[in-house]
């Protein structure tokens, strides 16, 4: 399997950091946010670590769960 290009990885990590920042501002655990977004808690952790290429559907799930516009996550 080919390695992920550095810029792609940087974008995933930045997205994950933004999710974490907003989650912490709301005082939510990863598990609580995962439940609100309808995803598994381990998936939530891997998103925050930048290990996942998140689908558009999940970006909207996270935005809704965090009470923000999807554009604020990017």
PDB file of N, CA and C in Angstrom:
ATOM      1  N   UNK A   1       0.850  -1.176   0.000  1.00  0.00           N
ATOM      2  CA  UNK A   1       0.000   0.000   0.000  1.00  0.00           C
ATOM      3  C   UNK A   1       0.896   1.240   0.000  1.00  0.00           C
ATOM      4  N   UNK A   2       0.621   2.216  -0.900  1.00  0.00           N
ATOM      5  CA  UNK A   2       1.466   3.405  -0.953  1.00  0.00           C
ATOM      6  C   UNK A   2       1.283   4.289   0.274  1.00  0.00           C
ATOM      7  N   UNK A   3       2.332   4.971   0.632  1.00  0.00           N
ATOM      8  CA  UNK A   3       2.273   5.886   1.779  1.00  0.00           C
ATOM      9  C   UNK A   3       1.395   7.082   1.438  1.00  0.00           C
ATOM     10  N   UNK A   4       0.780   7.663   2.455  1.00  0.00           N
ATOM     11  CA  UNK A   4      -0.042   8.856   2.276  1.00  0.00           C
ATOM     12  C   UNK A   4       0.883  10.040   2.033  1.00  0.00           C
ATOM     13  N   UNK A   5       0.546  10.849   1.030  1.00  0.00           N
ATOM     14  CA  UNK A   5       1.352  12.040   0.735  1.00  0.00           C
ATOM     15  C   UNK A   5       1.367  12.948   1.957  1.00  0.00           C
ATOM     16  N   UNK A   6       2.515  13.572   2.237  1.00  0.00           N
ATOM     17  CA  UNK A   6       2.628  14.420   3.440  1.00  0.00           C
ATOM     18  C   UNK A   6       1.545  15.486   3.545  1.00  0.00           C
ATOM     19  N   UNK A   7       1.187  16.136   2.448  1.00  0.00           N
ATOM     20  CA  UNK A   7       0.182  17.196   2.530  1.00  0.00           C
ATOM     21  C   UNK A   7      -1.180  16.628   2.899  1.00  0.00           C
ATOM     22  N   UNK A   8      -1.505  15.437   2.390  1.00  0.00           N
ATOM     23  CA  UNK A   8      -2.770  14.803   2.757  1.00  0.00           C
ATOM     24  C   UNK A   8      -2.790  14.495   4.241  1.00  0.00           C
ATOM     25  N   UNK A   9      -1.697  13.973   4.739  1.00  0.00           N
ATOM     26  CA  UNK A   9      -1.610  13.650   6.156  1.00  0.00           C
ATOM     27  C   UNK A   9      -1.731  14.911   7.008  1.00  0.00           C
ATOM     28  N   UNK A  10      -1.064  15.999   6.595  1.00  0.00           N
ATOM     29  CA  UNK A  10      -1.152  17.259   7.329  1.00  0.00           C
ATOM     30  C   UNK A  10      -2.593  17.752   7.404  1.00  0.00           C
ATOM     31  N   UNK A  11      -3.329  17.613   6.321  1.00  0.00           N
ATOM     32  CA  UNK A  11      -4.723  18.052   6.296  1.00  0.00           C
ATOM     33  C   UNK A  11      -5.578  17.208   7.230  1.00  0.00           C
ATOM     34  N   UNK A  12      -5.337  15.923   7.251  1.00  0.00           N
ATOM     35  CA  UNK A  12      -6.098  15.031   8.132  1.00  0.00           C
ATOM     36  C   UNK A  12      -5.809  15.346   9.594  1.00  0.00           C
ATOM     37  N   UNK A  13      -4.553  15.595   9.899  1.00  0.00           N
ATOM     38  CA  UNK A  13      -4.171  15.928  11.275  1.00  0.00           C
ATOM     39  C   UNK A  13      -4.798  17.260  11.678  1.00  0.00           C
ATOM     40  N   UNK A  14      -4.771  18.248  10.793  1.00  0.00           N
ATOM     41  CA  UNK A  14      -5.366  19.553  11.090  1.00  0.00           C
ATOM     42  C   UNK A  14      -6.869  19.419  11.321  1.00  0.00           C
ATOM     43  N   UNK A  15      -7.535  18.605  10.509  1.00  0.00           N
ATOM     44  CA  UNK A  15      -8.967  18.376  10.681  1.00  0.00           C
ATOM     45  C   UNK A  15      -9.236  17.733  12.041  1.00  0.00           C
ATOM     46  N   UNK A  16      -8.455  16.736  12.381  1.00  0.00           N
ATOM     47  CA  UNK A  16      -8.607  16.060  13.670  1.00  0.00           C
ATOM     48  C   UNK A  16      -8.392  16.992  14.842  1.00  0.00           C
ATOM     49  N   UNK A  17      -7.406  17.880  14.725  1.00  0.00           N
ATOM     50  CA  UNK A  17      -7.147  18.849  15.796  1.00  0.00           C
ATOM     51  C   UNK A  17      -8.317  19.806  15.959  1.00  0.00           C
ATOM     52  N   UNK A  18      -8.931  20.184  14.841  1.00  0.00           N
ATOM     53  CA  UNK A  18     -10.082  21.093  14.911  1.00  0.00           C
ATOM     54  C   UNK A  18     -11.264  20.407  15.597  1.00  0.00           C
ATOM     55  N   UNK A  19     -11.495  19.147  15.258  1.00  0.00           N
ATOM     56  CA  UNK A  19     -12.566  18.391  15.906  1.00  0.00           C
ATOM     57  C   UNK A  19     -12.307  18.327  17.414  1.00  0.00           C
ATOM     58  N   UNK A  20     -11.074  17.988  17.779  1.00  0.00           N
ATOM     59  CA  UNK A  20     -10.714  17.883  19.197  1.00  0.00           C
ATOM     60  C   UNK A  20     -10.896  19.211  19.912  1.00  0.00           C
ATOM     61  N   UNK A  21     -10.445  20.299  19.290  1.00  0.00           N
ATOM     62  CA  UNK A  21     -10.568  21.631  19.882  1.00  0.00           C
ATOM     63  C   UNK A  21     -12.033  21.958  20.186  1.00  0.00           C
ATOM     64  N   UNK A  22     -12.910  21.744  19.218  1.00  0.00           N
ATOM     65  CA  UNK A  22     -14.328  22.040  19.416  1.00  0.00           C
ATOM     66  C   UNK A  22     -14.956  21.105  20.446  1.00  0.00           C
ATOM     67  N   UNK A  23     -14.561  19.842  20.408  1.00  0.00           N
ATOM     68  CA  UNK A  23     -15.089  18.854  21.366  1.00  0.00           C
ATOM     69  C   UNK A  23     -14.745  19.269  22.794  1.00  0.00           C
ATOM     70  N   UNK A  24     -13.493  19.670  22.996  1.00  0.00           N
ATOM     71  CA  UNK A  24     -13.059  20.071  24.331  1.00  0.00           C
ATOM     72  C   UNK A  24     -13.746  21.356  24.789  1.00  0.00           C
ATOM     73  N   UNK A  25     -13.964  22.288  23.865  1.00  0.00           N
ATOM     74  CA  UNK A  25     -14.687  23.517  24.205  1.00  0.00           C
ATOM     75  C   UNK A  25     -16.090  23.211  24.725  1.00  0.00           C
ATOM     76  N   UNK A  26     -16.686  22.146  24.190  1.00  0.00           N
ATOM     77  CA  UNK A  26     -18.025  21.745  24.622  1.00  0.00           C
ATOM     78  C   UNK A  26     -17.999  20.834  25.840  1.00  0.00           C
ATOM     79  N   UNK A  27     -16.802  20.445  26.268  1.00  0.00           N
ATOM     80  CA  UNK A  27     -16.676  19.574  27.435  1.00  0.00           C
ATOM     81  C   UNK A  27     -17.125  18.151  27.165  1.00  0.00           C
ATOM     82  N   UNK A  28     -16.973  17.709  25.919  1.00  0.00           N
ATOM     83  CA  UNK A  28     -17.391  16.353  25.549  1.00  0.00           C
ATOM     84  C   UNK A  28     -16.202  15.403  25.519  1.00  0.00           C
ATOM     85  N   UNK A  29     -16.451  14.166  25.896  1.00  0.00           N
ATOM     86  CA  UNK A  29     -15.445  13.116  25.716  1.00  0.00           C
ATOM     87  C   UNK A  29     -15.513  12.642  24.264  1.00  0.00           C
ATOM     88  N   UNK A  30     -14.481  11.927  23.836  1.00  0.00           N
ATOM     89  CA  UNK A  30     -14.530  11.324  22.498  1.00  0.00           C
ATOM     90  C   UNK A  30     -15.730  10.400  22.381  1.00  0.00           C
ATOM     91  N   UNK A  31     -15.980   9.650  23.421  1.00  0.00           N
ATOM     92  CA  UNK A  31     -17.096   8.707  23.410  1.00  0.00           C
ATOM     93  C   UNK A  31     -18.440   9.428  23.275  1.00  0.00           C
ATOM     94  N   UNK A  32     -18.594  10.540  23.987  1.00  0.00           N
ATOM     95  CA  UNK A  32     -19.843  11.302  23.913  1.00  0.00           C
ATOM     96  C   UNK A  32     -20.037  11.894  22.524  1.00  0.00           C
ATOM     97  N   UNK A  33     -18.968  12.445  21.952  1.00  0.00           N
ATOM     98  CA  UNK A  33     -19.084  13.006  20.604  1.00  0.00           C
ATOM     99  C   UNK A  33     -19.377  11.906  19.588  1.00  0.00           C
ATOM    100  N   UNK A  34     -18.723  10.780  19.729  1.00  0.00           N
ATOM    101  CA  UNK A  34     -18.980   9.663  18.818  1.00  0.00           C
ATOM    102  C   UNK A  34     -20.448   9.260  18.860  1.00  0.00           C
ATOM    103  N   UNK A  35     -21.001   9.196  20.051  1.00  0.00           N
ATOM    104  CA  UNK A  35     -22.410   8.829  20.191  1.00  0.00           C
ATOM    105  C   UNK A  35     -23.308   9.868  19.525  1.00  0.00           C
ATOM    106  N   UNK A  36     -23.032  11.130  19.753  1.00  0.00           N
ATOM    107  CA  UNK A  36     -23.831  12.192  19.137  1.00  0.00           C
ATOM    108  C   UNK A  36     -23.751  12.162  17.609  1.00  0.00           C
ATOM    109  N   UNK A  37     -22.570  11.814  17.099  1.00  0.00           N
ATOM    110  CA  UNK A  37     -22.354  11.783  15.654  1.00  0.00           C
ATOM    111  C   UNK A  37     -22.773  10.457  15.023  1.00  0.00           C
ATOM    112  N   UNK A  38     -23.032   9.456  15.840  1.00  0.00           N
ATOM    113  CA  UNK A  38     -23.433   8.157  15.302  1.00  0.00           C
ATOM    114  C   UNK A  38     -22.300   7.354  14.708  1.00  0.00           C
ATOM    115  N   UNK A  39     -21.103   7.513  15.300  1.00  0.00           N
ATOM    116  CA  UNK A  39     -19.945   6.731  14.860  1.00  0.00           C
ATOM    117  C   UNK A  39     -19.376   5.975  16.063  1.00  0.00           C
ATOM    118  N   UNK A  40     -18.519   5.006  15.789  1.00  0.00           N
ATOM    119  CA  UNK A  40     -17.907   4.225  16.861  1.00  0.00           C
ATOM    120  C   UNK A  40     -16.835   5.057  17.558  1.00  0.00           C
ATOM    121  N   UNK A  41     -16.665   4.859  18.846  1.00  0.00           N
ATOM    122  CA  UNK A  41     -15.716   5.651  19.627  1.00  0.00           C
ATOM    123  C   UNK A  41     -14.280   5.486  19.140  1.00  0.00           C
ATOM    124  N   UNK A  42     -13.907   4.311  18.651  1.00  0.00           N
ATOM    125  CA  UNK A  42     -12.539   4.130  18.162  1.00  0.00           C
ATOM    126  C   UNK A  42     -12.327   4.879  16.845  1.00  0.00           C
ATOM    127  N   UNK A  43     -13.383   4.973  16.051  1.00  0.00           N
ATOM    128  CA  UNK A  43     -13.313   5.760  14.815  1.00  0.00           C
ATOM    129  C   UNK A  43     -13.079   7.226  15.168  1.00  0.00           C
ATOM    130  N   UNK A  44     -13.782   7.712  16.184  1.00  0.00           N
ATOM    131  CA  UNK A  44     -13.645   9.103  16.614  1.00  0.00           C
ATOM    132  C   UNK A  44     -12.197   9.403  16.978  1.00  0.00           C
ATOM    133  N   UNK A  45     -11.589   8.518  17.735  1.00  0.00           N
ATOM    134  CA  UNK A  45     -10.189   8.699  18.126  1.00  0.00           C
ATOM    135  C   UNK A  45      -9.257   8.724  16.933  1.00  0.00           C
ATOM    136  N   UNK A  46      -9.488   7.849  15.972  1.00  0.00           N
ATOM    137  CA  UNK A  46      -8.620   7.805  14.794  1.00  0.00           C
ATOM    138  C   UNK A  46      -8.799   9.045  13.915  1.00  0.00           C
ATOM    139  N   UNK A  47      -9.996   9.622  13.912  1.00  0.00           N
ATOM    140  CA  UNK A  47     -10.221  10.883  13.191  1.00  0.00           C
ATOM    141  C   UNK A  47      -9.417  11.992  13.859  1.00  0.00           C
ATOM    142  N   UNK A  48      -9.500  12.083  15.168  1.00  0.00           N
ATOM    143  CA  UNK A  48      -8.775  13.132  15.889  1.00  0.00           C
ATOM    144  C   UNK A  48      -7.265  12.997  15.748  1.00  0.00           C
ATOM    145  N   UNK A  49      -6.774  11.801  15.556  1.00  0.00           N
ATOM    146  CA  UNK A  49      -5.332  11.589  15.370  1.00  0.00           C
ATOM    147  C   UNK A  49      -4.900  11.780  13.917  1.00  0.00           C
ATOM    148  N   UNK A  50      -5.854  12.039  13.020  1.00  0.00           N
ATOM    149  CA  UNK A  50      -5.537  12.247  11.612  1.00  0.00           C
ATOM    150  C   UNK A  50      -5.265  10.976  10.850  1.00  0.00           C
ATOM    151  N   UNK A  51      -5.767   9.872  11.345  1.00  0.00           N
ATOM    152  CA  UNK A  51      -5.521   8.579  10.715  1.00  0.00           C
ATOM    153  C   UNK A  51      -6.589   8.204   9.683  1.00  0.00           C
ATOM    154  N   UNK A  52      -7.650   8.973   9.590  1.00  0.00           N
ATOM    155  CA  UNK A  52      -8.769   8.647   8.698  1.00  0.00           C
ATOM    156  C   UNK A  52      -8.952   9.705   7.629  1.00  0.00           C
ATOM    157  N   UNK A  53      -9.336   9.252   6.441  1.00  0.00           N
ATOM    158  CA  UNK A  53      -9.769  10.134   5.373  1.00  0.00           C
ATOM    159  C   UNK A  53     -11.287  10.194   5.502  1.00  0.00           C
ATOM    160  N   UNK A  54     -11.779  11.210   6.165  1.00  0.00           N
ATOM    161  CA  UNK A  54     -13.184  11.307   6.562  1.00  0.00           C
ATOM    162  C   UNK A  54     -14.066  11.625   5.359  1.00  0.00           C
ATOM    163  N   UNK A  55     -15.189  10.921   5.257  1.00  0.00           N
ATOM    164  CA  UNK A  55     -16.130  11.162   4.167  1.00  0.00           C
ATOM    165  C   UNK A  55     -16.919  12.447   4.410  1.00  0.00           C
ATOM    166  N   UNK A  56     -17.480  12.976   3.355  1.00  0.00           N
ATOM    167  CA  UNK A  56     -18.305  14.171   3.452  1.00  0.00           C
ATOM    168  C   UNK A  56     -19.483  13.939   4.391  1.00  0.00           C
ATOM    169  N   UNK A  57     -20.072  12.755   4.321  1.00  0.00           N
ATOM    170  CA  UNK A  57     -21.189  12.433   5.214  1.00  0.00           C
ATOM    171  C   UNK A  57     -20.769  12.542   6.678  1.00  0.00           C
ATOM    172  N   UNK A  58     -19.593  12.038   7.003  1.00  0.00           N
ATOM    173  CA  UNK A  58     -19.136  12.100   8.395  1.00  0.00           C
ATOM    174  C   UNK A  58     -18.720  13.506   8.808  1.00  0.00           C
ATOM    175  N   UNK A  59     -18.220  14.300   7.870  1.00  0.00           N
ATOM    176  CA  UNK A  59     -17.920  15.699   8.202  1.00  0.00           C
ATOM    177  C   UNK A  59     -19.201  16.384   8.668  1.00  0.00           C
ATOM    178  N   UNK A  60     -20.296  16.145   7.955  1.00  0.00           N
ATOM    179  CA  UNK A  60     -21.574  16.743   8.352  1.00  0.00           C
ATOM    180  C   UNK A  60     -22.088  16.154   9.666  1.00  0.00           C
ATOM    181  N   UNK A  61     -21.856  14.884   9.902  1.00  0.00           N
ATOM    182  CA  UNK A  61     -22.253  14.283  11.180  1.00  0.00           C
ATOM    183  C   UNK A  61     -21.526  14.955  12.338  1.00  0.00           C
ATOM    184  N   UNK A  62     -20.217  15.158  12.177  1.00  0.00           N
ATOM    185  CA  UNK A  62     -19.429  15.798  13.227  1.00  0.00           C
ATOM    186  C   UNK A  62     -19.869  17.241  13.427  1.00  0.00           C
ATOM    187  N   UNK A  63     -20.095  17.955  12.331  1.00  0.00           N
ATOM    188  CA  UNK A  63     -20.533  19.343  12.431  1.00  0.00           C
ATOM    189  C   UNK A  63     -21.862  19.447  13.176  1.00  0.00           C
ATOM    190  N   UNK A  64     -22.805  18.601  12.812  1.00  0.00           N
ATOM    191  CA  UNK A  64     -24.102  18.613  13.497  1.00  0.00           C
ATOM    192  C   UNK A  64     -23.949  18.302  14.980  1.00  0.00           C
ATOM    193  N   UNK A  65     -23.127  17.307  15.291  1.00  0.00           N
ATOM    194  CA  UNK A  65     -22.928  16.912  16.686  1.00  0.00           C
ATOM    195  C   UNK A  65     -22.256  18.016  17.494  1.00  0.00           C
ATOM    196  N   UNK A  66     -21.399  18.803  16.832  1.00  0.00           N
ATOM    197  CA  UNK A  66     -20.689  19.883  17.510  1.00  0.00           C
ATOM    198  C   UNK A  66     -21.453  21.211  17.450  1.00  0.00           C
ATOM    199  N   UNK A  67     -22.537  21.237  16.692  1.00  0.00           N
ATOM    200  CA  UNK A  67     -23.344  22.451  16.598  1.00  0.00           C
ATOM    201  C   UNK A  67     -22.691  23.559  15.792  1.00  0.00           C
ATOM    202  N   UNK A  68     -21.918  23.179  14.772  1.00  0.00           N
ATOM    203  CA  UNK A  68     -21.249  24.166  13.923  1.00  0.00           C
ATOM    204  C   UNK A  68     -21.559  23.870  12.468  1.00  0.00           C
ATOM    205  N   UNK A  69     -21.256  24.831  11.616  1.00  0.00           N
ATOM    206  CA  UNK A  69     -21.362  24.637  10.179  1.00  0.00           C
ATOM    207  C   UNK A  69     -20.189  23.759   9.732  1.00  0.00           C
ATOM    208  N   UNK A  70     -20.428  22.893   8.760  1.00  0.00           N
ATOM    209  CA  UNK A  70     -19.383  21.986   8.305  1.00  0.00           C
ATOM    210  C   UNK A  70     -18.125  22.737   7.851  1.00  0.00           C
ATOM    211  N   UNK A  71     -18.307  23.915   7.281  1.00  0.00           N
ATOM    212  CA  UNK A  71     -17.159  24.704   6.840  1.00  0.00           C
ATOM    213  C   UNK A  71     -16.230  25.100   7.970  1.00  0.00           C
ATOM    214  N   UNK A  72     -16.744  25.188   9.177  1.00  0.00           N
ATOM    215  CA  UNK A  72     -15.911  25.542  10.325  1.00  0.00           C
ATOM    216  C   UNK A  72     -14.966  24.425  10.733  1.00  0.00           C
ATOM    217  N   UNK A  73     -15.174  23.244  10.199  1.00  0.00           N
ATOM    218  CA  UNK A  73     -14.290  22.131  10.532  1.00  0.00           C
ATOM    219  C   UNK A  73     -13.094  22.057   9.593  1.00  0.00           C
ATOM    220  N   UNK A  74     -13.193  22.727   8.467  1.00  0.00           N
ATOM    221  CA  UNK A  74     -12.124  22.638   7.465  1.00  0.00           C
ATOM    222  C   UNK A  74     -11.185  23.829   7.511  1.00  0.00           C
TER     223      UNK A  74
END
